[in-house]
Amino acid sequence: MKTSGASSSPRKEKSKLLRPVQYTMSAVNDTTFNSAVLLLTGIPGQEDAHIWIAIPFCFMYAISIAGNAFILFIIKRDPSLHEPMYIFLSMLAITDIGLSLSTMPTTLSTFLFNSREISLDACFAQLFFIHSFSFTESSVLLLMAFDRFVAICYPLRYASILTPPRIAKMGLVFTLRGVAVIFPLPFLLRRYQYCQVSVLSHCYCINQEVMKTACSDIRVSSIYGLFVTISTVGVDSLFIFLSYVMILKTVLSIASHVERLKALSTCVSHLCAVLLFYTPVLGLSVIHRFVNNASPLLEILIGYVYLVVPPLMNPIVYSVKSKHLRARIIRVFVK
C-alpha cells in the first residue's frame, strides 16, 4: 500500500506540472496566430530596382486620381453635361478614385520604402475596399452599357427611361450590392488560423491570396468567393454582352452606313473601359483558381494591370473619344 501511494504521488505532481506547460504552449500558439504578419511583395528579383519602379507607379496614381477628379469637376461645373451618360461617367470616376486610393498606400510604401509588413486587420480592411470598389466598377460598367442600349435602341424614350431619380436609385442599389456581397468575407477569413509570417505575391491584399496563407480548411471562403465573383462580375459581363448583341442588331437594321458608324462610335469609349476592366480581372481569377503552374511574373503583372490601368486609362479614353467632354476640357484651358 505504501509503495502504491508513493508511486501515485509523483504522477499527480507530474500531471500538475504539465498542465501549466500545456496551457502556456496553447497560449503561445494562439498569440502566434492572432499576431500573424503578412509580407507584401513588389516584383520578385527586382528588389534593387524597386525605387526606380516606384517612379512610374507614382505617375500612374497621380494621373489616375487627378484625371478622374478633373472629370468630376468638369461634369459638375457644366450643366450641359448633366445627362445620363455623363452621370454614369461620374460614378465611374468616383469608383476609380476609390480603387486607386485602396491600393496606393501599400504599393508605394513597398516600392519606395521597402515596407512590406502588414497586419491581418489592415490586410482585411484593404481587401474589403479593393473588392468593394472593383465590384462597384463592374456594376457601373453594366449601367453604362444599359445607357448605350437605351440611347441606340429606344432613342425617343431615352429621357423618360433614364431620369435622374431612377439613375440615383440604380447607382445606390448597385453600390450597396458591391458592399454587401464582400462584407462577410473579412469575417470568414478572420476565423482561420494563419502562420506567423506569410508572403503574398503582390503589394496589396486580395481575397484569393490571403486565403492561401491560412493554415485551416478554406473551402467555405473559396466557395463563397467564387459565388461572389460569378454573381457580380460574371453576371454583369453577361448582361453587358447581351446589351451589345441587342445594340449590334439595332445598328445593323439602320439603312445608312454613315448612321451606323455614328451610332457605334458612341459605344467605343465604353467598350474600351469594359475591355480594360474585365480582361485582367477574369484572367486573374482564372489563374488563381484553376492554373497551378502559371508564371509568377505573369500573375503579378496581370494583378497590377487589373487595379492600376483601368483608373489610369478611363479618364484618358473618355476625354479623347467624347467630343462634348473634350470640348469642355479644352475650354477650361483655352479661353
C-alpha atoms as a PDB file:
ATOM      1  CA  MET A   1       0.000   0.000   0.000  1.00  0.00           C
ATOM      2  CA  LYS A   2       2.888   2.375   0.831  1.00  0.00           C
ATOM      3  CA  THR A   3       4.551   1.617  -2.465  1.00  0.00           C
ATOM      4  CA  SER A   4       1.322   2.357  -4.357  1.00  0.00           C
ATOM      5  CA  GLY A   5       0.863   5.658  -2.531  1.00  0.00           C
ATOM      6  CA  ALA A   6       4.462   6.664  -3.140  1.00  0.00           C
ATOM      7  CA  SER A   7       4.227   5.901  -6.857  1.00  0.00           C
ATOM      8  CA  SER A   8       0.918   7.754  -7.329  1.00  0.00           C
ATOM      9  CA  SER A   9       2.159  10.906  -5.661  1.00  0.00           C
ATOM     10  CA  PRO A  10       4.900  11.698  -8.231  1.00  0.00           C
ATOM     11  CA  ARG A  11       2.409  11.041 -11.060  1.00  0.00           C
ATOM     12  CA  LYS A  12      -0.001  13.593  -9.582  1.00  0.00           C
ATOM     13  CA  GLU A  13       2.787  16.099  -9.161  1.00  0.00           C
ATOM     14  CA  LYS A  14       3.960  15.469 -12.771  1.00  0.00           C
ATOM     15  CA  SER A  15       0.435  15.972 -14.147  1.00  0.00           C
ATOM     16  CA  LYS A  16       0.109  19.220 -12.187  1.00  0.00           C
ATOM     17  CA  LEU A  17       3.396  20.445 -13.646  1.00  0.00           C
ATOM     18  CA  LEU A  18       2.357  19.506 -17.206  1.00  0.00           C
ATOM     19  CA  ARG A  19      -0.945  21.413 -17.109  1.00  0.00           C
ATOM     20  CA  PRO A  20       0.600  24.888 -16.844  1.00  0.00           C
ATOM     21  CA  VAL A  21       3.148  23.971 -19.527  1.00  0.00           C
ATOM     22  CA  GLN A  22       0.420  22.780 -21.890  1.00  0.00           C
ATOM     23  CA  TYR A  23      -1.654  25.883 -21.158  1.00  0.00           C
ATOM     24  CA  THR A  24       1.364  28.108 -21.802  1.00  0.00           C
ATOM     25  CA  MET A  25       2.093  26.391 -25.146  1.00  0.00           C
ATOM     26  CA  SER A  26      -1.556  26.805 -26.172  1.00  0.00           C
ATOM     27  CA  ALA A  27      -1.443  30.498 -25.280  1.00  0.00           C
ATOM     28  CA  VAL A  28       1.751  30.928 -27.301  1.00  0.00           C
ATOM     29  CA  ASN A  29       0.164  29.255 -30.318  1.00  0.00           C
ATOM     30  CA  ASP A  30      -2.956  31.440 -30.040  1.00  0.00           C
ATOM     31  CA  THR A  31      -0.791  34.529 -29.782  1.00  0.00           C
ATOM     32  CA  THR A  32       1.190  33.417 -32.835  1.00  0.00           C
ATOM     33  CA  PHE A  33      -1.916  33.032 -34.967  1.00  0.00           C
ATOM     34  CA  ASN A  34      -3.592  36.207 -33.686  1.00  0.00           C
ATOM     35  CA  SER A  35      -0.487  38.356 -34.268  1.00  0.00           C
ATOM     36  CA  ALA A  36       0.333  36.888 -37.674  1.00  0.00           C
ATOM     37  CA  VAL A  37       2.020  39.226 -40.131  1.00  0.00           C
ATOM     38  CA  LEU A  38       1.731  39.173 -43.910  1.00  0.00           C
ATOM     39  CA  LEU A  39       4.623  40.248 -46.099  1.00  0.00           C
ATOM     40  CA  LEU A  40       3.840  42.115 -49.302  1.00  0.00           C
ATOM     41  CA  THR A  41       5.929  41.578 -52.429  1.00  0.00           C
ATOM     42  CA  GLY A  42       6.818  44.063 -55.143  1.00  0.00           C
ATOM     43  CA  ILE A  43       8.383  42.395 -58.182  1.00  0.00           C
ATOM     44  CA  PRO A  44      10.485  39.349 -57.234  1.00  0.00           C
ATOM     45  CA  GLY A  45      14.065  39.507 -58.417  1.00  0.00           C
ATOM     46  CA  GLN A  46      13.900  43.265 -58.987  1.00  0.00           C
ATOM     47  CA  GLU A  47      14.316  44.426 -55.386  1.00  0.00           C
ATOM     48  CA  ASP A  48      17.311  46.624 -56.252  1.00  0.00           C
ATOM     49  CA  ALA A  49      15.268  48.445 -58.874  1.00  0.00           C
ATOM     50  CA  HIS A  50      12.165  48.985 -56.719  1.00  0.00           C
ATOM     51  CA  ILE A  51      12.971  52.655 -56.188  1.00  0.00           C
ATOM     52  CA  TRP A  52      13.007  53.161 -59.967  1.00  0.00           C
ATOM     53  CA  ILE A  53       9.875  51.062 -60.460  1.00  0.00           C
ATOM     54  CA  ALA A  54       8.140  53.310 -57.916  1.00  0.00           C
ATOM     55  CA  ILE A  55       8.522  56.342 -60.210  1.00  0.00           C
ATOM     56  CA  PRO A  56       6.086  55.162 -62.940  1.00  0.00           C
ATOM     57  CA  PHE A  57       3.700  53.948 -60.231  1.00  0.00           C
ATOM     58  CA  CYS A  58       3.735  57.430 -58.661  1.00  0.00           C
ATOM     59  CA  PHE A  59       2.962  58.985 -62.044  1.00  0.00           C
ATOM     60  CA  MET A  60       0.173  56.492 -62.756  1.00  0.00           C
ATOM     61  CA  TYR A  61      -1.504  57.054 -59.387  1.00  0.00           C
ATOM     62  CA  ALA A  62      -1.158  60.831 -59.730  1.00  0.00           C
ATOM     63  CA  ILE A  63      -2.659  60.810 -63.224  1.00  0.00           C
ATOM     64  CA  SER A  64      -5.446  58.417 -62.163  1.00  0.00           C
ATOM     65  CA  ILE A  65      -6.569  60.481 -59.185  1.00  0.00           C
ATOM     66  CA  ALA A  66      -6.067  63.892 -60.830  1.00  0.00           C
ATOM     67  CA  GLY A  67      -7.646  62.781 -64.134  1.00  0.00           C
ATOM     68  CA  ASN A  68     -10.766  61.319 -62.558  1.00  0.00           C
ATOM     69  CA  ALA A  69     -11.109  64.265 -60.172  1.00  0.00           C
ATOM     70  CA  PHE A  70     -10.845  66.638 -63.156  1.00  0.00           C
ATOM     71  CA  ILE A  71     -13.568  64.694 -64.990  1.00  0.00           C
ATOM     72  CA  LEU A  72     -15.825  65.107 -61.932  1.00  0.00           C
ATOM     73  CA  PHE A  73     -15.029  68.813 -61.782  1.00  0.00           C
ATOM     74  CA  ILE A  74     -15.849  69.369 -65.467  1.00  0.00           C
ATOM     75  CA  ILE A  75     -19.136  67.438 -65.299  1.00  0.00           C
ATOM     76  CA  LYS A  76     -20.254  69.165 -62.095  1.00  0.00           C
ATOM     77  CA  ARG A  77     -19.340  72.598 -63.412  1.00  0.00           C
ATOM     78  CA  ASP A  78     -21.055  72.362 -66.810  1.00  0.00           C
ATOM     79  CA  PRO A  79     -24.888  71.970 -66.704  1.00  0.00           C
ATOM     80  CA  SER A  80     -24.918  70.779 -70.331  1.00  0.00           C
ATOM     81  CA  LEU A  81     -23.098  67.619 -69.192  1.00  0.00           C
ATOM     82  CA  HIS A  82     -25.757  66.737 -66.609  1.00  0.00           C
ATOM     83  CA  GLU A  83     -27.022  63.934 -68.830  1.00  0.00           C
ATOM     84  CA  PRO A  84     -27.318  60.199 -68.036  1.00  0.00           C
ATOM     85  CA  MET A  85     -24.160  59.275 -69.955  1.00  0.00           C
ATOM     86  CA  TYR A  86     -22.011  61.759 -68.029  1.00  0.00           C
ATOM     87  CA  ILE A  87     -23.672  60.991 -64.708  1.00  0.00           C
ATOM     88  CA  PHE A  88     -22.646  57.370 -65.169  1.00  0.00           C
ATOM     89  CA  LEU A  89     -19.170  58.569 -66.128  1.00  0.00           C
ATOM     90  CA  SER A  90     -19.073  60.492 -62.824  1.00  0.00           C
ATOM     91  CA  MET A  91     -19.899  57.265 -60.982  1.00  0.00           C
ATOM     92  CA  LEU A  92     -17.094  55.501 -62.832  1.00  0.00           C
ATOM     93  CA  ALA A  93     -14.643  58.281 -61.928  1.00  0.00           C
ATOM     94  CA  ILE A  94     -15.574  58.104 -58.215  1.00  0.00           C
ATOM     95  CA  THR A  95     -15.112  54.338 -58.251  1.00  0.00           C
ATOM     96  CA  ASP A  96     -11.734  54.645 -59.987  1.00  0.00           C
ATOM     97  CA  ILE A  97     -10.534  57.164 -57.395  1.00  0.00           C
ATOM     98  CA  GLY A  98     -11.589  54.806 -54.599  1.00  0.00           C
ATOM     99  CA  LEU A  99      -9.842  51.867 -56.282  1.00  0.00           C
ATOM    100  CA  SER A 100      -6.621  53.856 -56.681  1.00  0.00           C
ATOM    101  CA  LEU A 101      -6.669  55.062 -53.074  1.00  0.00           C
ATOM    102  CA  SER A 102      -7.246  51.486 -51.859  1.00  0.00           C
ATOM    103  CA  THR A 103      -4.025  50.143 -53.385  1.00  0.00           C
ATOM    104  CA  MET A 104      -1.782  53.223 -53.420  1.00  0.00           C
ATOM    105  CA  PRO A 105      -0.548  53.227 -49.757  1.00  0.00           C
ATOM    106  CA  THR A 106       0.823  49.683 -49.700  1.00  0.00           C
ATOM    107  CA  THR A 107       2.062  49.765 -53.302  1.00  0.00           C
ATOM    108  CA  LEU A 108       4.115  52.923 -52.872  1.00  0.00           C
ATOM    109  CA  SER A 109       5.347  52.012 -49.389  1.00  0.00           C
ATOM    110  CA  THR A 110       6.573  48.653 -50.726  1.00  0.00           C
ATOM    111  CA  PHE A 111       8.411  50.109 -53.717  1.00  0.00           C
ATOM    112  CA  LEU A 112       9.629  53.348 -52.138  1.00  0.00           C
ATOM    113  CA  PHE A 113      10.482  52.330 -48.561  1.00  0.00           C
ATOM    114  CA  ASN A 114      10.563  48.506 -48.736  1.00  0.00           C
ATOM    115  CA  SER A 115       7.889  48.482 -46.007  1.00  0.00           C
ATOM    116  CA  ARG A 116       6.472  45.028 -46.581  1.00  0.00           C
ATOM    117  CA  GLU A 117       4.761  44.104 -43.317  1.00  0.00           C
ATOM    118  CA  ILE A 118       1.005  44.415 -42.980  1.00  0.00           C
ATOM    119  CA  SER A 119      -1.136  43.152 -40.119  1.00  0.00           C
ATOM    120  CA  LEU A 120      -4.100  40.868 -40.678  1.00  0.00           C
ATOM    121  CA  ASP A 121      -6.637  43.529 -39.702  1.00  0.00           C
ATOM    122  CA  ALA A 122      -5.110  46.081 -42.083  1.00  0.00           C
ATOM    123  CA  CYS A 123      -4.987  43.440 -44.821  1.00  0.00           C
ATOM    124  CA  PHE A 124      -8.655  42.524 -44.308  1.00  0.00           C
ATOM    125  CA  ALA A 125      -9.618  46.217 -44.455  1.00  0.00           C
ATOM    126  CA  GLN A 126      -7.704  46.759 -47.700  1.00  0.00           C
ATOM    127  CA  LEU A 127      -9.171  43.579 -49.148  1.00  0.00           C
ATOM    128  CA  PHE A 128     -12.679  44.810 -48.343  1.00  0.00           C
ATOM    129  CA  PHE A 129     -12.200  48.179 -50.049  1.00  0.00           C
ATOM    130  CA  ILE A 130     -10.424  46.776 -53.110  1.00  0.00           C
ATOM    131  CA  HIS A 131     -13.127  44.214 -53.831  1.00  0.00           C
ATOM    132  CA  SER A 132     -15.990  46.588 -52.963  1.00  0.00           C
ATOM    133  CA  PHE A 133     -14.769  49.223 -55.425  1.00  0.00           C
ATOM    134  CA  SER A 134     -13.946  46.547 -58.002  1.00  0.00           C
ATOM    135  CA  PHE A 135     -17.444  45.042 -57.890  1.00  0.00           C
ATOM    136  CA  THR A 136     -18.990  48.518 -57.878  1.00  0.00           C
ATOM    137  CA  GLU A 137     -16.993  49.420 -61.007  1.00  0.00           C
ATOM    138  CA  SER A 138     -18.325  46.283 -62.673  1.00  0.00           C
ATOM    139  CA  SER A 139     -21.857  47.443 -61.831  1.00  0.00           C
ATOM    140  CA  VAL A 140     -21.212  50.957 -63.171  1.00  0.00           C
ATOM    141  CA  LEU A 141     -19.962  49.491 -66.454  1.00  0.00           C
ATOM    142  CA  LEU A 142     -23.205  47.496 -66.656  1.00  0.00           C
ATOM    143  CA  LEU A 143     -25.233  50.675 -66.082  1.00  0.00           C
ATOM    144  CA  MET A 144     -23.246  52.430 -68.811  1.00  0.00           C
ATOM    145  CA  ALA A 145     -23.998  49.533 -71.181  1.00  0.00           C
ATOM    146  CA  PHE A 146     -27.688  49.910 -70.321  1.00  0.00           C
ATOM    147  CA  ASP A 147     -27.388  53.627 -71.081  1.00  0.00           C
ATOM    148  CA  ARG A 148     -25.948  52.901 -74.545  1.00  0.00           C
ATOM    149  CA  PHE A 149     -28.617  50.235 -75.141  1.00  0.00           C
ATOM    150  CA  VAL A 150     -31.476  52.647 -74.383  1.00  0.00           C
ATOM    151  CA  ALA A 151     -29.864  55.502 -76.351  1.00  0.00           C
ATOM    152  CA  ILE A 152     -29.487  53.400 -79.518  1.00  0.00           C
ATOM    153  CA  CYS A 153     -32.459  51.030 -79.326  1.00  0.00           C
ATOM    154  CA  TYR A 154     -35.035  53.416 -77.784  1.00  0.00           C
ATOM    155  CA  PRO A 155     -33.795  56.947 -78.559  1.00  0.00           C
ATOM    156  CA  LEU A 156     -37.242  58.584 -78.299  1.00  0.00           C
ATOM    157  CA  ARG A 157     -37.770  57.187 -74.794  1.00  0.00           C
ATOM    158  CA  TYR A 158     -34.216  57.831 -73.594  1.00  0.00           C
ATOM    159  CA  ALA A 159     -35.010  60.863 -71.421  1.00  0.00           C
ATOM    160  CA  SER A 160     -38.149  59.278 -69.931  1.00  0.00           C
ATOM    161  CA  ILE A 161     -36.424  55.987 -69.050  1.00  0.00           C
ATOM    162  CA  LEU A 162     -33.178  57.345 -67.612  1.00  0.00           C
ATOM    163  CA  THR A 163     -34.474  60.074 -65.324  1.00  0.00           C
ATOM    164  CA  PRO A 164     -32.146  61.464 -62.597  1.00  0.00           C
ATOM    165  CA  PRO A 165     -34.096  59.835 -59.702  1.00  0.00           C
ATOM    166  CA  ARG A 166     -34.003  56.474 -61.469  1.00  0.00           C
ATOM    167  CA  ILE A 167     -30.276  56.822 -62.160  1.00  0.00           C
ATOM    168  CA  ALA A 168     -29.661  57.658 -58.483  1.00  0.00           C
ATOM    169  CA  LYS A 169     -31.634  54.600 -57.349  1.00  0.00           C
ATOM    170  CA  MET A 170     -29.797  52.277 -59.735  1.00  0.00           C
ATOM    171  CA  GLY A 171     -26.448  53.647 -58.623  1.00  0.00           C
ATOM    172  CA  LEU A 172     -27.338  53.240 -54.944  1.00  0.00           C
ATOM    173  CA  VAL A 173     -28.612  49.678 -55.414  1.00  0.00           C
ATOM    174  CA  PHE A 174     -25.514  48.522 -57.274  1.00  0.00           C
ATOM    175  CA  THR A 175     -23.187  50.243 -54.799  1.00  0.00           C
ATOM    176  CA  LEU A 176     -24.927  48.514 -51.902  1.00  0.00           C
ATOM    177  CA  ARG A 177     -24.689  45.227 -53.785  1.00  0.00           C
ATOM    178  CA  GLY A 178     -20.923  45.631 -54.170  1.00  0.00           C
ATOM    179  CA  VAL A 179     -20.511  46.329 -50.455  1.00  0.00           C
ATOM    180  CA  ALA A 180     -22.980  43.690 -49.247  1.00  0.00           C
ATOM    181  CA  VAL A 181     -21.525  40.731 -51.159  1.00  0.00           C
ATOM    182  CA  ILE A 182     -17.980  41.395 -49.917  1.00  0.00           C
ATOM    183  CA  PHE A 183     -18.931  42.339 -46.329  1.00  0.00           C
ATOM    184  CA  PRO A 184     -18.964  38.746 -44.927  1.00  0.00           C
ATOM    185  CA  LEU A 185     -15.610  37.848 -46.497  1.00  0.00           C
ATOM    186  CA  PRO A 186     -13.251  39.539 -43.977  1.00  0.00           C
ATOM    187  CA  PHE A 187     -15.166  37.882 -41.126  1.00  0.00           C
ATOM    188  CA  LEU A 188     -14.862  34.471 -42.793  1.00  0.00           C
ATOM    189  CA  LEU A 189     -11.124  34.993 -43.252  1.00  0.00           C
ATOM    190  CA  ARG A 190     -10.735  36.161 -39.656  1.00  0.00           C
ATOM    191  CA  ARG A 191     -11.983  32.788 -38.390  1.00  0.00           C
ATOM    192  CA  TYR A 192      -8.974  30.987 -39.845  1.00  0.00           C
ATOM    193  CA  GLN A 193      -5.610  30.410 -38.256  1.00  0.00           C
ATOM    194  CA  TYR A 194      -2.589  31.890 -40.004  1.00  0.00           C
ATOM    195  CA  CYS A 195       1.083  31.077 -39.814  1.00  0.00           C
ATOM    196  CA  GLN A 196       3.176  33.662 -38.030  1.00  0.00           C
ATOM    197  CA  VAL A 197       4.687  35.012 -41.251  1.00  0.00           C
ATOM    198  CA  SER A 198       3.202  34.547 -44.735  1.00  0.00           C
ATOM    199  CA  VAL A 199       4.272  36.062 -48.036  1.00  0.00           C
ATOM    200  CA  LEU A 200       1.833  37.464 -50.593  1.00  0.00           C
ATOM    201  CA  SER A 201       2.781  37.724 -54.252  1.00  0.00           C
ATOM    202  CA  HIS A 202       1.503  41.306 -54.655  1.00  0.00           C
ATOM    203  CA  CYS A 203       1.942  44.551 -52.752  1.00  0.00           C
ATOM    204  CA  TYR A 204      -1.741  44.632 -51.808  1.00  0.00           C
ATOM    205  CA  CYS A 205      -4.246  42.167 -50.312  1.00  0.00           C
ATOM    206  CA  ILE A 206      -6.864  40.345 -52.359  1.00  0.00           C
ATOM    207  CA  ASN A 207      -9.115  37.521 -51.276  1.00  0.00           C
ATOM    208  CA  GLN A 208      -7.625  34.678 -53.328  1.00  0.00           C
ATOM    209  CA  GLU A 209      -4.112  35.217 -51.983  1.00  0.00           C
ATOM    210  CA  VAL A 210      -4.996  35.813 -48.332  1.00  0.00           C
ATOM    211  CA  MET A 211      -6.993  32.570 -48.304  1.00  0.00           C
ATOM    212  CA  LYS A 212      -3.947  30.600 -49.452  1.00  0.00           C
ATOM    213  CA  THR A 213      -1.896  31.806 -46.460  1.00  0.00           C
ATOM    214  CA  ALA A 214      -4.334  30.302 -43.946  1.00  0.00           C
ATOM    215  CA  CYS A 215      -3.377  27.129 -42.076  1.00  0.00           C
ATOM    216  CA  SER A 216      -7.024  25.983 -41.952  1.00  0.00           C
ATOM    217  CA  ASP A 217      -9.626  24.485 -44.247  1.00  0.00           C
ATOM    218  CA  ILE A 218     -10.609  27.344 -46.594  1.00  0.00           C
ATOM    219  CA  ARG A 219     -13.302  25.600 -48.607  1.00  0.00           C
ATOM    220  CA  VAL A 220     -16.123  27.806 -47.275  1.00  0.00           C
ATOM    221  CA  SER A 221     -14.347  31.062 -48.179  1.00  0.00           C
ATOM    222  CA  SER A 222     -13.222  29.656 -51.523  1.00  0.00           C
ATOM    223  CA  ILE A 223     -16.768  28.633 -52.478  1.00  0.00           C
ATOM    224  CA  TYR A 224     -18.204  31.929 -51.262  1.00  0.00           C
ATOM    225  CA  GLY A 225     -15.539  33.927 -53.111  1.00  0.00           C
ATOM    226  CA  LEU A 226     -16.282  32.047 -56.329  1.00  0.00           C
ATOM    227  CA  PHE A 227     -20.021  32.633 -55.822  1.00  0.00           C
ATOM    228  CA  VAL A 228     -19.439  36.366 -55.296  1.00  0.00           C
ATOM    229  CA  THR A 229     -17.284  36.635 -58.426  1.00  0.00           C
ATOM    230  CA  ILE A 230     -19.828  34.808 -60.590  1.00  0.00           C
ATOM    231  CA  SER A 231     -22.838  36.688 -59.159  1.00  0.00           C
ATOM    232  CA  THR A 232     -21.240  40.103 -59.691  1.00  0.00           C
ATOM    233  CA  VAL A 233     -18.530  40.234 -62.350  1.00  0.00           C
ATOM    234  CA  GLY A 234     -19.859  37.153 -64.162  1.00  0.00           C
ATOM    235  CA  VAL A 235     -23.487  38.314 -64.271  1.00  0.00           C
ATOM    236  CA  ASP A 236     -22.518  41.903 -65.131  1.00  0.00           C
ATOM    237  CA  SER A 237     -20.288  40.813 -68.015  1.00  0.00           C
ATOM    238  CA  LEU A 238     -23.066  38.550 -69.333  1.00  0.00           C
ATOM    239  CA  PHE A 239     -25.607  41.388 -69.352  1.00  0.00           C
ATOM    240  CA  ILE A 240     -23.092  43.741 -70.966  1.00  0.00           C
ATOM    241  CA  PHE A 241     -22.551  41.178 -73.706  1.00  0.00           C
ATOM    242  CA  LEU A 242     -26.324  40.810 -74.217  1.00  0.00           C
ATOM    243  CA  SER A 243     -26.708  44.602 -74.338  1.00  0.00           C
ATOM    244  CA  TYR A 244     -24.183  44.839 -77.143  1.00  0.00           C
ATOM    245  CA  VAL A 245     -25.833  41.990 -79.018  1.00  0.00           C
ATOM    246  CA  MET A 246     -29.078  43.999 -78.995  1.00  0.00           C
ATOM    247  CA  ILE A 247     -27.197  47.198 -79.902  1.00  0.00           C
ATOM    248  CA  LEU A 248     -25.486  45.495 -82.835  1.00  0.00           C
ATOM    249  CA  LYS A 249     -28.793  44.048 -84.016  1.00  0.00           C
ATOM    250  CA  THR A 250     -30.386  47.514 -83.962  1.00  0.00           C
ATOM    251  CA  VAL A 251     -27.422  49.186 -85.668  1.00  0.00           C
ATOM    252  CA  LEU A 252     -27.359  46.632 -88.499  1.00  0.00           C
ATOM    253  CA  SER A 253     -31.015  47.371 -89.205  1.00  0.00           C
ATOM    254  CA  ILE A 254     -30.147  51.019 -89.981  1.00  0.00           C
ATOM    255  CA  ALA A 255     -30.034  51.577 -93.727  1.00  0.00           C
ATOM    256  CA  SER A 256     -27.483  54.372 -93.826  1.00  0.00           C
ATOM    257  CA  HIS A 257     -23.847  53.333 -93.463  1.00  0.00           C
ATOM    258  CA  VAL A 258     -22.946  56.734 -92.012  1.00  0.00           C
ATOM    259  CA  GLU A 259     -25.645  56.468 -89.350  1.00  0.00           C
ATOM    260  CA  ARG A 260     -24.386  53.005 -88.407  1.00  0.00           C
ATOM    261  CA  LEU A 261     -20.871  54.293 -87.814  1.00  0.00           C
ATOM    262  CA  LYS A 262     -22.222  57.273 -85.882  1.00  0.00           C
ATOM    263  CA  ALA A 263     -24.252  55.019 -83.583  1.00  0.00           C
ATOM    264  CA  LEU A 264     -21.360  52.615 -82.990  1.00  0.00           C
ATOM    265  CA  SER A 265     -18.921  55.461 -82.345  1.00  0.00           C
ATOM    266  CA  THR A 266     -20.883  56.390 -79.206  1.00  0.00           C
ATOM    267  CA  CYS A 267     -20.006  52.967 -77.759  1.00  0.00           C
ATOM    268  CA  VAL A 268     -16.253  53.000 -78.384  1.00  0.00           C
ATOM    269  CA  SER A 269     -15.307  54.635 -75.066  1.00  0.00           C
ATOM    270  CA  HIS A 270     -17.455  52.225 -73.079  1.00  0.00           C
ATOM    271  CA  LEU A 271     -16.121  49.198 -74.957  1.00  0.00           C
ATOM    272  CA  CYS A 272     -12.556  50.287 -74.158  1.00  0.00           C
ATOM    273  CA  ALA A 273     -13.448  50.665 -70.469  1.00  0.00           C
ATOM    274  CA  VAL A 274     -15.086  47.208 -70.461  1.00  0.00           C
ATOM    275  CA  LEU A 275     -12.063  45.535 -72.052  1.00  0.00           C
ATOM    276  CA  LEU A 276      -9.624  47.337 -69.729  1.00  0.00           C
ATOM    277  CA  PHE A 277     -11.528  46.122 -66.666  1.00  0.00           C
ATOM    278  CA  TYR A 278     -12.860  42.660 -67.476  1.00  0.00           C
ATOM    279  CA  THR A 279      -9.893  41.194 -69.348  1.00  0.00           C
ATOM    280  CA  PRO A 280      -7.403  41.299 -66.430  1.00  0.00           C
ATOM    281  CA  VAL A 281      -9.949  40.617 -63.666  1.00  0.00           C
ATOM    282  CA  LEU A 282     -11.252  37.453 -65.325  1.00  0.00           C
ATOM    283  CA  GLY A 283      -7.726  36.382 -66.282  1.00  0.00           C
ATOM    284  CA  LEU A 284      -6.502  36.853 -62.712  1.00  0.00           C
ATOM    285  CA  SER A 285      -9.457  34.943 -61.286  1.00  0.00           C
ATOM    286  CA  VAL A 286      -8.856  32.010 -63.654  1.00  0.00           C
ATOM    287  CA  ILE A 287      -5.129  31.923 -62.833  1.00  0.00           C
ATOM    288  CA  HIS A 288      -5.740  31.986 -59.072  1.00  0.00           C
ATOM    289  CA  ARG A 289      -8.354  29.237 -59.115  1.00  0.00           C
ATOM    290  CA  PHE A 290      -7.574  26.884 -61.973  1.00  0.00           C
ATOM    291  CA  VAL A 291      -3.943  27.305 -63.114  1.00  0.00           C
ATOM    292  CA  ASN A 292      -1.368  25.746 -60.807  1.00  0.00           C
ATOM    293  CA  ASN A 293       1.808  26.189 -62.861  1.00  0.00           C
ATOM    294  CA  ALA A 294       1.326  29.759 -64.079  1.00  0.00           C
ATOM    295  CA  SER A 295       4.340  32.044 -64.267  1.00  0.00           C
ATOM    296  CA  PRO A 296       4.543  34.129 -61.040  1.00  0.00           C
ATOM    297  CA  LEU A 297       5.659  37.174 -63.022  1.00  0.00           C
ATOM    298  CA  LEU A 298       2.624  36.880 -65.338  1.00  0.00           C
ATOM    299  CA  GLU A 299       0.300  36.686 -62.347  1.00  0.00           C
ATOM    300  CA  ILE A 300       1.924  39.733 -60.751  1.00  0.00           C
ATOM    301  CA  LEU A 301       1.758  41.814 -63.940  1.00  0.00           C
ATOM    302  CA  ILE A 302      -1.907  40.958 -64.533  1.00  0.00           C
ATOM    303  CA  GLY A 303      -2.609  41.895 -60.909  1.00  0.00           C
ATOM    304  CA  TYR A 304      -1.104  45.357 -61.421  1.00  0.00           C
ATOM    305  CA  VAL A 305      -2.908  45.819 -64.741  1.00  0.00           C
ATOM    306  CA  TYR A 306      -6.190  44.841 -63.054  1.00  0.00           C
ATOM    307  CA  LEU A 307      -6.013  47.532 -60.346  1.00  0.00           C
ATOM    308  CA  VAL A 308      -3.821  50.293 -61.784  1.00  0.00           C
ATOM    309  CA  VAL A 309      -4.500  50.535 -65.517  1.00  0.00           C
ATOM    310  CA  PRO A 310      -8.347  50.982 -65.664  1.00  0.00           C
ATOM    311  CA  PRO A 311      -8.392  54.021 -63.301  1.00  0.00           C
ATOM    312  CA  LEU A 312      -5.496  55.456 -65.312  1.00  0.00           C
ATOM    313  CA  MET A 313      -6.939  54.907 -68.795  1.00  0.00           C
ATOM    314  CA  ASN A 314     -10.672  55.556 -68.280  1.00  0.00           C
ATOM    315  CA  PRO A 315     -10.426  59.376 -67.990  1.00  0.00           C
ATOM    316  CA  ILE A 316      -7.986  59.477 -70.909  1.00  0.00           C
ATOM    317  CA  VAL A 317     -10.201  57.335 -73.160  1.00  0.00           C
ATOM    318  CA  TYR A 318     -13.381  59.300 -72.380  1.00  0.00           C
ATOM    319  CA  SER A 319     -11.607  62.649 -72.742  1.00  0.00           C
ATOM    320  CA  VAL A 320     -10.333  61.684 -76.182  1.00  0.00           C
ATOM    321  CA  LYS A 321     -13.402  59.898 -77.555  1.00  0.00           C
ATOM    322  CA  SER A 322     -16.222  62.052 -76.141  1.00  0.00           C
ATOM    323  CA  LYS A 323     -16.495  65.160 -78.332  1.00  0.00           C
ATOM    324  CA  HIS A 324     -18.609  67.175 -75.866  1.00  0.00           C
ATOM    325  CA  LEU A 325     -16.398  66.345 -72.879  1.00  0.00           C
ATOM    326  CA  ARG A 326     -13.267  67.079 -74.875  1.00  0.00           C
ATOM    327  CA  ALA A 327     -14.659  70.480 -75.911  1.00  0.00           C
ATOM    328  CA  ARG A 328     -15.407  71.378 -72.273  1.00  0.00           C
ATOM    329  CA  ILE A 329     -11.915  70.340 -71.168  1.00  0.00           C
ATOM    330  CA  ILE A 330     -10.297  72.436 -73.915  1.00  0.00           C
ATOM    331  CA  ARG A 331     -12.483  75.374 -72.921  1.00  0.00           C
ATOM    332  CA  VAL A 332     -11.088  75.242 -69.369  1.00  0.00           C
ATOM    333  CA  PHE A 333      -7.516  75.713 -70.614  1.00  0.00           C
ATOM    334  CA  VAL A 334      -8.130  77.837 -73.712  1.00  0.00           C
ATOM    335  CA  LYS A 335     -10.426  80.803 -73.276  1.00  0.00           C
END
